[in-house]
Amino acid sequence: MKIFLHSILLILALNTQAAPSPEACHTVNIGVVDWTDLHVANGIAEQLLIRLGYEVNLNEQPSMPEIFARMGDAQVDVFLGYWTPAMSSTARPYFANDTVVLLTDNLQNARWTLAVPTYLYDEGLQNFADIVRFGPQLENRIYGLEKGSSGNAAILDMINKNAFGLKDFKLIETSERLMLAQLRGRSRRKEAVVILGWLPHPMNQNYDIRYLAGGDDYFGPDYGHATVNTTARREFVDQCPNLKRFFTNLTFTAPMEESIMDHTTNGFVPVDRAVRMWMHDNPQQVKDWLQGITDINGRKPDVDALIAGMELTMSE
């Protein structure tokens, strides 16, 4: 009888182990654009996937449109930085032909619109319609992101249509780092500057800035209220159900991301170490992310050991 019960339990245990991940799923190619908040989301995904036995390739591209193009030709599997409604027009063709699918909204209550230092806001630049009055002080410039970004496209659309009287303005297309360098330098000198701002991001803690009203037609209502989503290749999610479940589970909050970003930007902590520190201190969140997830061999991971292992590597 004991032997019979043992055999039954062994069969049940074997049946509860999921099948190993197909070989095509062993390496995960995550799309990267050089945005601080996206580095944090990608860093969390990378550290967890490595501990589940997967290889991770962070595939860096110059802008978001290139990420979708690379998903379209199977060089990128998943992208955690699809902002809606701002980026919808870029993604629409890939959804329409079913090469890319929407997995989940990974962050609610984001913001994405133009911003100015508070001292400039207090001088009267509070609305998109006010920008033109400050043209000479601004040198008729608006600082955006890398060429091809959806935020830049919205600004260029305004300029080309002479919306808010901005026909004589010039968009300065640059990187996040260089845009924020302009904000930092001009803020120190109390000079006028308009930038493309968003939340979550350390700029909201590091600089005293205000978002402009009136840009609903270009950045969406409620000061560019946005949702950040996770998208993936159709073939990837069809082939890799465990990874589909993993990326669907992987959701964030603005305070979470900004806490980690504070370590990376103000504490000069590398992203991989900063996310390990945060996960070690927030074990319940890690358990929620890994609910129903198996490792690459189809086994349920020892989440407590996985979290404890983060502490062992924090001194690297």
Protein backbone atom coordinates (compact mmCIF):
# COMPACT_ATOMS: atom_id res chain seq x y z
CA MET A 1 0.00 0.00 0.00
CA LYS A 2 2.82 2.40 0.88
CA ILE A 3 4.55 1.63 -2.41
CA PHE A 4 1.28 2.24 -4.27
CA LEU A 5 0.74 5.62 -2.57
CA HIS A 6 4.33 6.61 -3.22
CA SER A 7 3.90 5.76 -6.90
CA ILE A 8 0.71 7.81 -7.12
CA LEU A 9 2.38 10.82 -5.47
CA LEU A 10 5.36 10.51 -7.81
CA ILE A 11 3.06 10.45 -10.85
CA LEU A 12 1.19 13.51 -9.58
CA ALA A 13 4.46 15.35 -8.97
CA LEU A 14 5.66 14.59 -12.47
CA ASN A 15 2.37 15.70 -13.95
CA THR A 16 2.50 19.06 -12.14
CA GLN A 17 5.89 19.87 -13.68
CA ALA A 18 5.42 21.88 -16.82
CA ALA A 19 7.20 21.04 -20.03
CA PRO A 20 10.62 22.68 -20.45
CA SER A 21 10.72 25.83 -22.53
CA PRO A 22 11.24 25.18 -26.25
CA GLU A 23 14.78 25.85 -27.44
CA ALA A 24 13.53 28.85 -29.43
CA CYS A 25 12.54 30.46 -26.12
CA HIS A 26 15.85 30.01 -24.31
CA THR A 27 17.11 33.49 -25.30
CA VAL A 28 14.86 36.51 -24.78
CA ASN A 29 15.56 39.61 -26.86
CA ILE A 30 14.26 42.68 -25.02
CA GLY A 31 13.98 45.98 -26.87
CA VAL A 32 15.89 48.93 -25.40
CA VAL A 33 15.68 52.65 -26.01
CA ASP A 34 17.92 54.86 -23.88
CA TRP A 35 15.23 55.98 -21.42
CA THR A 36 15.97 55.79 -17.70
CA ASP A 37 12.57 54.39 -16.75
CA LEU A 38 12.77 51.69 -19.43
CA HIS A 39 16.24 50.65 -18.21
CA VAL A 40 14.66 49.95 -14.81
CA ALA A 41 11.79 47.87 -16.22
CA ASN A 42 14.19 45.95 -18.47
CA GLY A 43 16.61 45.47 -15.57
CA ILE A 44 13.92 43.84 -13.44
CA ALA A 45 12.94 41.52 -16.28
CA GLU A 46 16.56 40.62 -17.01
CA GLN A 47 17.50 39.80 -13.41
CA LEU A 48 14.47 37.56 -12.92
CA LEU A 49 14.82 35.79 -16.27
CA ILE A 50 18.51 35.04 -15.67
CA ARG A 51 17.59 33.39 -12.37
CA LEU A 52 14.97 31.31 -14.16
CA GLY A 53 17.68 30.00 -16.48
CA TYR A 54 17.05 32.12 -19.57
CA GLU A 55 19.61 34.08 -21.53
CA VAL A 56 18.73 37.73 -22.03
CA ASN A 57 19.84 39.98 -24.85
CA LEU A 58 19.14 43.69 -24.38
CA ASN A 59 18.73 44.84 -27.97
CA GLU A 60 19.38 48.59 -28.04
CA GLN A 61 17.87 50.68 -30.83
CA PRO A 62 18.05 54.45 -31.46
CA SER A 63 14.29 55.02 -31.12
CA MET A 64 10.94 53.39 -30.53
CA PRO A 65 10.01 53.00 -34.24
CA GLU A 66 13.16 50.89 -34.75
CA ILE A 67 12.07 48.66 -31.85
CA PHE A 68 8.79 47.88 -33.58
CA ALA A 69 10.59 47.34 -36.88
CA ARG A 70 12.92 44.87 -35.16
CA MET A 71 9.94 43.05 -33.61
CA GLY A 72 8.48 42.90 -37.10
CA ASP A 73 11.58 41.10 -38.43
CA ALA A 74 11.99 38.88 -35.32
CA GLN A 75 15.13 40.53 -33.90
CA VAL A 76 13.30 41.82 -30.80
CA ASP A 77 10.87 39.62 -28.85
CA VAL A 78 9.37 41.98 -26.32
CA PHE A 79 9.21 45.73 -25.56
CA LEU A 80 8.20 47.14 -22.17
CA GLY A 81 8.09 50.80 -23.20
CA TYR A 82 5.07 51.21 -25.48
CA TRP A 83 3.35 54.44 -24.32
CA THR A 84 -0.25 55.05 -25.28
CA PRO A 85 -1.77 57.10 -26.72
CA ALA A 86 1.49 58.83 -27.73
CA MET A 87 3.01 55.91 -29.66
CA SER A 88 -0.19 54.38 -31.05
CA SER A 89 0.28 55.53 -34.63
CA THR A 90 3.72 53.89 -34.85
CA ALA A 91 2.51 50.57 -33.47
CA ARG A 92 -0.81 50.39 -35.34
CA PRO A 93 0.49 48.72 -38.55
CA TYR A 94 2.21 45.96 -36.56
CA PHE A 95 -0.96 45.23 -34.60
CA ALA A 96 -2.98 45.32 -37.81
CA ASN A 97 -0.89 42.61 -39.50
CA ASP A 98 -0.67 40.62 -36.24
CA THR A 99 3.14 40.52 -36.11
CA VAL A 100 3.04 42.30 -32.72
CA VAL A 101 0.51 41.87 -29.91
CA LEU A 102 -0.32 43.81 -26.77
CA LEU A 103 0.31 41.75 -23.63
CA THR A 104 -0.59 44.06 -20.77
CA ASP A 105 -0.47 47.58 -19.44
CA ASN A 106 2.55 47.51 -17.14
CA LEU A 107 2.25 51.02 -15.69
CA GLN A 108 -0.78 53.24 -15.11
CA ASN A 109 -0.98 56.98 -14.50
CA ALA A 110 2.11 58.01 -16.42
CA ARG A 111 2.57 61.51 -17.91
CA TRP A 112 4.06 62.58 -21.27
CA THR A 113 3.94 66.22 -22.34
CA LEU A 114 5.90 69.49 -22.39
CA ALA A 115 7.34 70.82 -19.16
CA VAL A 116 9.12 73.94 -17.91
CA PRO A 117 11.01 74.91 -14.74
CA THR A 118 8.67 76.19 -12.01
CA TYR A 119 10.22 79.69 -12.07
CA LEU A 120 9.23 79.97 -15.73
CA TYR A 121 5.75 78.61 -14.96
CA ASP A 122 5.40 81.30 -12.28
CA GLU A 123 6.33 83.93 -14.88
CA GLY A 124 3.28 82.89 -16.91
CA LEU A 125 4.35 79.99 -19.16
CA GLN A 126 1.63 77.60 -17.99
CA ASN A 127 -0.07 76.57 -21.21
CA PHE A 128 0.98 75.50 -24.72
CA ALA A 129 -0.59 78.75 -25.92
CA ASP A 130 1.87 80.72 -23.74
CA ILE A 131 5.01 79.30 -25.36
CA VAL A 132 5.08 81.72 -28.29
CA ARG A 133 5.09 84.76 -25.95
CA PHE A 134 8.34 83.48 -24.46
CA GLY A 135 9.90 82.82 -27.87
CA PRO A 136 12.86 85.23 -27.55
CA GLN A 137 13.77 83.88 -24.08
CA LEU A 138 13.46 80.32 -25.35
CA GLU A 139 15.48 81.11 -28.49
CA ASN A 140 12.45 79.63 -30.29
CA ARG A 141 13.57 76.14 -29.23
CA ILE A 142 11.82 73.13 -27.74
CA TYR A 143 14.06 70.30 -26.54
CA GLY A 144 12.86 66.80 -27.39
CA LEU A 145 14.26 63.29 -27.47
CA GLU A 146 16.04 61.13 -30.04
CA LYS A 147 15.11 61.49 -33.68
CA GLY A 148 12.03 59.43 -34.51
CA SER A 149 10.44 59.49 -31.06
CA SER A 150 6.67 59.91 -30.88
CA GLY A 151 7.06 62.93 -28.60
CA ASN A 152 9.18 64.63 -31.24
CA ALA A 153 6.57 63.76 -33.85
CA ALA A 154 3.89 65.53 -31.81
CA ILE A 155 6.07 68.64 -31.44
CA LEU A 156 6.90 68.69 -35.14
CA ASP A 157 3.21 68.34 -35.95
CA MET A 158 2.47 71.41 -33.84
CA ILE A 159 5.22 73.40 -35.54
CA ASN A 160 4.22 72.34 -39.05
CA LYS A 161 0.58 73.22 -38.41
CA ASN A 162 1.51 76.48 -36.69
CA ALA A 163 -0.48 75.28 -33.69
CA PHE A 164 -0.24 77.78 -30.82
CA GLY A 165 1.67 80.08 -33.21
CA LEU A 166 4.79 77.88 -33.08
CA LYS A 167 5.70 78.00 -36.80
CA ASP A 168 9.01 79.78 -36.09
CA PHE A 169 10.07 77.34 -33.38
CA LYS A 170 12.66 74.64 -33.86
CA LEU A 171 12.65 71.18 -32.30
CA ILE A 172 16.05 70.18 -30.91
CA GLU A 173 16.26 66.40 -31.34
CA THR A 174 18.70 64.90 -28.88
CA SER A 175 19.08 62.17 -26.28
CA GLU A 176 17.37 62.06 -22.88
CA ARG A 177 20.74 62.71 -21.23
CA LEU A 178 21.53 65.79 -23.32
CA MET A 179 17.99 67.16 -23.01
CA LEU A 180 18.23 66.95 -19.23
CA ALA A 181 21.68 68.57 -19.36
CA GLN A 182 20.00 71.56 -21.01
CA LEU A 183 17.37 71.61 -18.28
CA ARG A 184 20.01 71.37 -15.57
CA GLY A 185 22.26 74.12 -16.97
CA ARG A 186 19.47 76.54 -17.80
CA SER A 187 17.75 75.95 -14.45
CA ARG A 188 20.95 76.87 -12.61
CA ARG A 189 21.08 80.14 -14.55
CA LYS A 190 17.30 80.67 -14.28
CA GLU A 191 17.02 80.73 -18.06
CA ALA A 192 13.94 79.79 -20.09
CA VAL A 193 13.66 76.25 -21.46
CA VAL A 194 10.87 73.92 -22.62
CA ILE A 195 11.49 70.18 -22.60
CA LEU A 196 9.62 66.96 -23.28
CA GLY A 197 8.91 65.68 -19.79
CA TRP A 198 7.38 62.49 -18.42
CA LEU A 199 6.54 60.59 -15.29
CA PRO A 200 7.83 58.32 -13.81
CA HIS A 201 11.32 59.73 -14.12
CA PRO A 202 13.92 61.16 -11.69
CA MET A 203 13.54 64.56 -13.37
CA ASN A 204 10.41 64.98 -11.26
CA GLN A 205 12.49 64.74 -8.06
CA ASN A 206 15.76 66.21 -9.29
CA TYR A 207 14.31 69.35 -10.89
CA ASP A 208 11.52 71.70 -9.92
CA ILE A 209 9.36 71.43 -13.05
CA ARG A 210 5.72 71.89 -14.01
CA TYR A 211 3.76 70.33 -16.85
CA LEU A 212 1.95 72.56 -19.34
CA ALA A 213 -1.81 72.50 -19.89
CA GLY A 214 -3.49 72.76 -23.27
CA GLY A 215 -1.68 70.05 -25.22
CA ASP A 216 -4.56 67.55 -25.29
CA ASP A 217 -4.73 67.35 -29.10
CA TYR A 218 -1.07 66.34 -29.31
CA PHE A 219 -0.22 64.51 -26.07
CA GLY A 220 -3.64 63.48 -24.78
CA PRO A 221 -5.89 64.87 -22.03
CA ASP A 222 -5.05 65.43 -18.38
CA TYR A 223 -1.50 66.70 -18.97
CA GLY A 224 -0.61 63.87 -21.31
CA HIS A 225 -2.00 61.10 -19.14
CA ALA A 226 -0.51 57.88 -20.49
CA THR A 227 -0.34 54.15 -19.99
CA VAL A 228 2.87 52.18 -20.53
CA ASN A 229 2.34 48.77 -22.13
CA THR A 230 4.23 45.57 -22.85
CA THR A 231 4.16 44.36 -26.46
CA ALA A 232 5.65 41.23 -27.99
CA ARG A 233 6.07 39.35 -31.25
CA ARG A 234 3.07 37.16 -32.05
CA GLU A 235 5.30 34.15 -32.79
CA PHE A 236 7.19 34.68 -29.51
CA VAL A 237 4.05 34.57 -27.32
CA ASP A 238 2.66 31.61 -29.27
CA GLN A 239 5.89 29.60 -28.89
CA CYS A 240 6.74 30.63 -25.31
CA PRO A 241 3.66 30.46 -23.03
CA ASN A 242 5.76 30.63 -19.85
CA LEU A 243 7.42 33.84 -21.01
CA LYS A 244 4.08 35.25 -22.14
CA ARG A 245 2.77 34.67 -18.60
CA PHE A 246 5.95 36.16 -17.10
CA PHE A 247 5.74 39.40 -19.07
CA THR A 248 2.01 39.64 -18.43
CA ASN A 249 2.69 39.39 -14.68
CA LEU A 250 5.40 42.05 -14.83
CA THR A 251 3.66 45.28 -13.85
CA PHE A 252 5.06 48.31 -12.04
CA THR A 253 4.11 51.47 -10.14
CA ALA A 254 5.53 54.95 -10.50
CA PRO A 255 6.88 55.04 -6.89
CA MET A 256 8.59 51.68 -7.46
CA GLU A 257 10.33 52.81 -10.63
CA GLU A 258 11.29 56.21 -9.25
CA SER A 259 12.77 54.63 -6.12
CA ILE A 260 15.05 52.46 -8.26
CA MET A 261 15.83 55.32 -10.64
CA ASP A 262 16.86 57.47 -7.68
CA HIS A 263 19.55 54.90 -6.85
CA THR A 264 20.77 54.81 -10.44
CA THR A 265 20.81 58.56 -11.13
CA ASN A 266 21.57 60.08 -7.73
CA GLY A 267 23.35 57.19 -6.04
CA PHE A 268 25.28 56.16 -9.18
CA VAL A 269 24.31 52.53 -8.57
CA PRO A 270 24.34 50.32 -11.70
CA VAL A 271 20.85 49.35 -12.84
CA ASP A 272 21.34 45.62 -12.28
CA ARG A 273 22.43 46.18 -8.69
CA ALA A 274 19.71 48.76 -7.99
CA VAL A 275 16.93 46.41 -9.13
CA ARG A 276 18.40 43.51 -7.13
CA MET A 277 18.48 45.69 -4.02
CA TRP A 278 14.86 46.71 -4.54
CA MET A 279 13.67 43.15 -5.16
CA HIS A 280 15.55 41.84 -2.14
CA ASP A 281 13.76 44.43 0.00
CA ASN A 282 10.35 43.74 -1.58
CA PRO A 283 10.01 39.94 -1.67
CA GLN A 284 6.20 39.89 -1.94
CA GLN A 285 6.34 41.81 -5.20
CA VAL A 286 8.81 39.28 -6.60
CA LYS A 287 6.48 36.45 -5.56
CA ASP A 288 3.61 38.18 -7.33
CA TRP A 289 5.68 38.56 -10.50
CA LEU A 290 6.62 34.87 -10.44
CA GLN A 291 3.14 33.56 -9.63
CA GLY A 292 2.47 30.63 -11.96
CA ILE A 293 5.89 30.92 -13.62
CA THR A 294 8.32 28.05 -14.09
CA ASP A 295 12.03 28.06 -14.79
CA ILE A 296 13.49 27.17 -18.19
CA ASN A 297 13.26 23.46 -17.31
CA GLY A 298 9.57 23.63 -16.41
CA ARG A 299 10.12 23.50 -12.65
CA LYS A 300 8.51 25.80 -10.11
CA PRO A 301 11.30 28.07 -8.82
CA ASP A 302 12.25 28.37 -5.16
CA VAL A 303 11.33 32.04 -4.94
CA ASP A 304 12.67 32.49 -1.40
CA ALA A 305 16.07 31.16 -2.47
CA LEU A 306 15.95 33.29 -5.59
CA ILE A 307 15.35 36.43 -3.51
CA ALA A 308 18.04 35.45 -0.99
CA GLY A 309 20.44 35.04 -3.90
CA MET A 310 19.96 38.69 -4.79
CA GLU A 311 21.54 39.68 -1.47
CA LEU A 312 24.57 37.46 -2.13
CA THR A 313 25.33 39.34 -5.35
CA MET A 314 24.64 42.87 -4.14
CA SER A 315 28.33 43.43 -3.32
CA GLU A 316 29.46 42.69 -6.87
